[in-house]
Amino acid sequence: MLGLHYFSVYRLIQRGKLKVCRALCGKLLVPRAELLKLLKTE
């Protein structure tokens, strides 16, 4: 959806520009509202 490499997404998470939730299996989940907010700023 963002058209970014997964490493770039991890950098956004580390810098605090993208908030995530951690699922029970350890995966990172990005809420839809966070994606939309990021798309509006770019």
PDB file of N, CA and C in Angstrom:
ATOM      1  N   MET A   1       0.818  -1.190   0.000  1.00  0.00           N
ATOM      2  CA  MET A   1       0.000   0.000   0.000  1.00  0.00           C
ATOM      3  C   MET A   1       0.871   1.267   0.000  1.00  0.00           C
ATOM      4  N   LEU A   2       1.965   1.235   0.739  1.00  0.00           N
ATOM      5  CA  LEU A   2       2.842   2.400   0.796  1.00  0.00           C
ATOM      6  C   LEU A   2       3.838   2.436  -0.351  1.00  0.00           C
ATOM      7  N   GLY A   3       4.139   1.291  -0.914  1.00  0.00           N
ATOM      8  CA  GLY A   3       5.134   1.236  -1.969  1.00  0.00           C
ATOM      9  C   GLY A   3       6.546   1.378  -1.437  1.00  0.00           C
ATOM     10  N   LEU A   4       6.763   0.987  -0.187  1.00  0.00           N
ATOM     11  CA  LEU A   4       8.071   1.095   0.448  1.00  0.00           C
ATOM     12  C   LEU A   4       8.650  -0.290   0.695  1.00  0.00           C
ATOM     13  N   HIS A   5       9.969  -0.358   0.777  1.00  0.00           N
ATOM     14  CA  HIS A   5      10.653  -1.587   1.148  1.00  0.00           C
ATOM     15  C   HIS A   5      10.407  -1.841   2.632  1.00  0.00           C
ATOM     16  N   TYR A   6      10.366  -3.090   3.049  1.00  0.00           N
ATOM     17  CA  TYR A   6      10.053  -3.386   4.445  1.00  0.00           C
ATOM     18  C   TYR A   6      11.060  -2.761   5.410  1.00  0.00           C
ATOM     19  N   PHE A   7      12.306  -2.620   4.980  1.00  0.00           N
ATOM     20  CA  PHE A   7      13.319  -2.005   5.827  1.00  0.00           C
ATOM     21  C   PHE A   7      12.988  -0.528   6.075  1.00  0.00           C
ATOM     22  N   SER A   8      12.455   0.141   5.074  1.00  0.00           N
ATOM     23  CA  SER A   8      12.049   1.539   5.234  1.00  0.00           C
ATOM     24  C   SER A   8      10.895   1.662   6.218  1.00  0.00           C
ATOM     25  N   VAL A   9       9.988   0.704   6.203  1.00  0.00           N
ATOM     26  CA  VAL A   9       8.869   0.706   7.142  1.00  0.00           C
ATOM     27  C   VAL A   9       9.384   0.521   8.564  1.00  0.00           C
ATOM     28  N   TYR A  10      10.357  -0.376   8.762  1.00  0.00           N
ATOM     29  CA  TYR A  10      10.932  -0.571  10.086  1.00  0.00           C
ATOM     30  C   TYR A  10      11.612   0.696  10.582  1.00  0.00           C
ATOM     31  N   ARG A  11      12.264   1.438   9.685  1.00  0.00           N
ATOM     32  CA  ARG A  11      12.886   2.699  10.088  1.00  0.00           C
ATOM     33  C   ARG A  11      11.834   3.714  10.522  1.00  0.00           C
ATOM     34  N   LEU A  12      10.713   3.761   9.824  1.00  0.00           N
ATOM     35  CA  LEU A  12       9.624   4.658  10.227  1.00  0.00           C
ATOM     36  C   LEU A  12       9.105   4.297  11.616  1.00  0.00           C
ATOM     37  N   ILE A  13       9.030   3.010  11.899  1.00  0.00           N
ATOM     38  CA  ILE A  13       8.579   2.547  13.207  1.00  0.00           C
ATOM     39  C   ILE A  13       9.589   2.946  14.279  1.00  0.00           C
ATOM     40  N   GLN A  14      10.876   2.735  14.023  1.00  0.00           N
ATOM     41  CA  GLN A  14      11.915   3.067  14.995  1.00  0.00           C
ATOM     42  C   GLN A  14      11.965   4.562  15.274  1.00  0.00           C
ATOM     43  N   ARG A  15      11.718   5.382  14.264  1.00  0.00           N
ATOM     44  CA  ARG A  15      11.748   6.836  14.437  1.00  0.00           C
ATOM     45  C   ARG A  15      10.469   7.382  15.060  1.00  0.00           C
ATOM     46  N   GLY A  16       9.469   6.530  15.243  1.00  0.00           N
ATOM     47  CA  GLY A  16       8.228   6.956  15.866  1.00  0.00           C
ATOM     48  C   GLY A  16       7.248   7.603  14.915  1.00  0.00           C
ATOM     49  N   LYS A  17       7.481   7.514  13.630  1.00  0.00           N
ATOM     50  CA  LYS A  17       6.592   8.117  12.649  1.00  0.00           C
ATOM     51  C   LYS A  17       5.440   7.189  12.268  1.00  0.00           C
ATOM     52  N   LEU A  18       5.541   5.927  12.668  1.00  0.00           N
ATOM     53  CA  LEU A  18       4.507   4.941  12.373  1.00  0.00           C
ATOM     54  C   LEU A  18       4.309   4.094  13.628  1.00  0.00           C
ATOM     55  N   LYS A  19       3.085   4.128  14.168  1.00  0.00           N
ATOM     56  CA  LYS A  19       2.791   3.366  15.381  1.00  0.00           C
ATOM     57  C   LYS A  19       2.248   2.001  15.002  1.00  0.00           C
ATOM     58  N   VAL A  20       2.667   0.989  15.740  1.00  0.00           N
ATOM     59  CA  VAL A  20       2.262  -0.382  15.447  1.00  0.00           C
ATOM     60  C   VAL A  20       1.762  -1.063  16.711  1.00  0.00           C
ATOM     61  N   CYS A  21       1.076  -2.177  16.506  1.00  0.00           N
ATOM     62  CA  CYS A  21       0.651  -3.066  17.581  1.00  0.00           C
ATOM     63  C   CYS A  21       1.325  -4.412  17.331  1.00  0.00           C
ATOM     64  N   ARG A  22       1.642  -5.107  18.389  1.00  0.00           N
ATOM     65  CA  ARG A  22       2.268  -6.417  18.235  1.00  0.00           C
ATOM     66  C   ARG A  22       1.207  -7.492  18.441  1.00  0.00           C
ATOM     67  N   ALA A  23       1.101  -8.394  17.480  1.00  0.00           N
ATOM     68  CA  ALA A  23       0.134  -9.492  17.550  1.00  0.00           C
ATOM     69  C   ALA A  23       0.669 -10.582  18.476  1.00  0.00           C
ATOM     70  N   LEU A  24      -0.177 -11.508  18.830  1.00  0.00           N
ATOM     71  CA  LEU A  24       0.225 -12.594  19.728  1.00  0.00           C
ATOM     72  C   LEU A  24       1.348 -13.448  19.142  1.00  0.00           C
ATOM     73  N   CYS A  25       1.388 -13.570  17.837  1.00  0.00           N
ATOM     74  CA  CYS A  25       2.406 -14.400  17.196  1.00  0.00           C
ATOM     75  C   CYS A  25       3.710 -13.631  16.978  1.00  0.00           C
ATOM     76  N   GLY A  26       3.773 -12.365  17.425  1.00  0.00           N
ATOM     77  CA  GLY A  26       4.993 -11.592  17.304  1.00  0.00           C
ATOM     78  C   GLY A  26       5.061 -10.689  16.084  1.00  0.00           C
ATOM     79  N   LYS A  27       4.068 -10.754  15.234  1.00  0.00           N
ATOM     80  CA  LYS A  27       4.057  -9.900  14.043  1.00  0.00           C
ATOM     81  C   LYS A  27       3.694  -8.470  14.421  1.00  0.00           C
ATOM     82  N   LEU A  28       4.179  -7.536  13.625  1.00  0.00           N
ATOM     83  CA  LEU A  28       3.829  -6.138  13.819  1.00  0.00           C
ATOM     84  C   LEU A  28       2.633  -5.795  12.939  1.00  0.00           C
ATOM     85  N   LEU A  29       1.630  -5.190  13.541  1.00  0.00           N
ATOM     86  CA  LEU A  29       0.430  -4.805  12.807  1.00  0.00           C
ATOM     87  C   LEU A  29       0.320  -3.289  12.820  1.00  0.00           C
ATOM     88  N   VAL A  30       0.082  -2.724  11.657  1.00  0.00           N
ATOM     89  CA  VAL A  30      -0.058  -1.285  11.532  1.00  0.00           C
ATOM     90  C   VAL A  30      -1.544  -0.976  11.390  1.00  0.00           C
ATOM     91  N   PRO A  31      -2.109  -0.199  12.312  1.00  0.00           N
ATOM     92  CA  PRO A  31      -3.519   0.162  12.191  1.00  0.00           C
ATOM     93  C   PRO A  31      -3.783   0.981  10.925  1.00  0.00           C
ATOM     94  N   ARG A  32      -4.956   0.810  10.374  1.00  0.00           N
ATOM     95  CA  ARG A  32      -5.341   1.504   9.149  1.00  0.00           C
ATOM     96  C   ARG A  32      -5.258   3.025   9.314  1.00  0.00           C
ATOM     97  N   ALA A  33      -5.644   3.534  10.475  1.00  0.00           N
ATOM     98  CA  ALA A  33      -5.598   4.980  10.718  1.00  0.00           C
ATOM     99  C   ALA A  33      -4.170   5.503  10.625  1.00  0.00           C
ATOM    100  N   GLU A  34      -3.194   4.712  11.094  1.00  0.00           N
ATOM    101  CA  GLU A  34      -1.792   5.118  11.019  1.00  0.00           C
ATOM    102  C   GLU A  34      -1.310   5.161   9.569  1.00  0.00           C
ATOM    103  N   LEU A  35      -1.732   4.198   8.778  1.00  0.00           N
ATOM    104  CA  LEU A  35      -1.363   4.192   7.356  1.00  0.00           C
ATOM    105  C   LEU A  35      -1.933   5.402   6.634  1.00  0.00           C
ATOM    106  N   LEU A  36      -3.195   5.689   6.897  1.00  0.00           N
ATOM    107  CA  LEU A  36      -3.830   6.828   6.242  1.00  0.00           C
ATOM    108  C   LEU A  36      -3.176   8.141   6.658  1.00  0.00           C
ATOM    109  N   LYS A  37      -2.808   8.249   7.930  1.00  0.00           N
ATOM    110  CA  LYS A  37      -2.145   9.449   8.413  1.00  0.00           C
ATOM    111  C   LYS A  37      -0.795   9.624   7.724  1.00  0.00           C
ATOM    112  N   LEU A  38      -0.063   8.536   7.552  1.00  0.00           N
ATOM    113  CA  LEU A  38       1.229   8.592   6.901  1.00  0.00           C
ATOM    114  C   LEU A  38       1.079   8.958   5.416  1.00  0.00           C
ATOM    115  N   LEU A  39       0.068   8.430   4.759  1.00  0.00           N
ATOM    116  CA  LEU A  39      -0.165   8.732   3.353  1.00  0.00           C
ATOM    117  C   LEU A  39      -0.546  10.191   3.136  1.00  0.00           C
ATOM    118  N   LYS A  40      -1.251  10.783   4.087  1.00  0.00           N
ATOM    119  CA  LYS A  40      -1.635  12.190   3.954  1.00  0.00           C
ATOM    120  C   LYS A  40      -0.451  13.125   4.104  1.00  0.00           C
ATOM    121  N   THR A  41       0.549  12.738   4.909  1.00  0.00           N
ATOM    122  CA  THR A  41       1.695  13.609   5.144  1.00  0.00           C
ATOM    123  C   THR A  41       2.696  13.563   4.003  1.00  0.00           C
ATOM    124  N   GLU A  42       2.676  12.512   3.201  1.00  0.00           N
ATOM    125  CA  GLU A  42       3.664  12.393   2.108  1.00  0.00           C
ATOM    126  C   GLU A  42       3.168  13.020   0.840  1.00  0.00           C
TER     127      GLU A  42
END
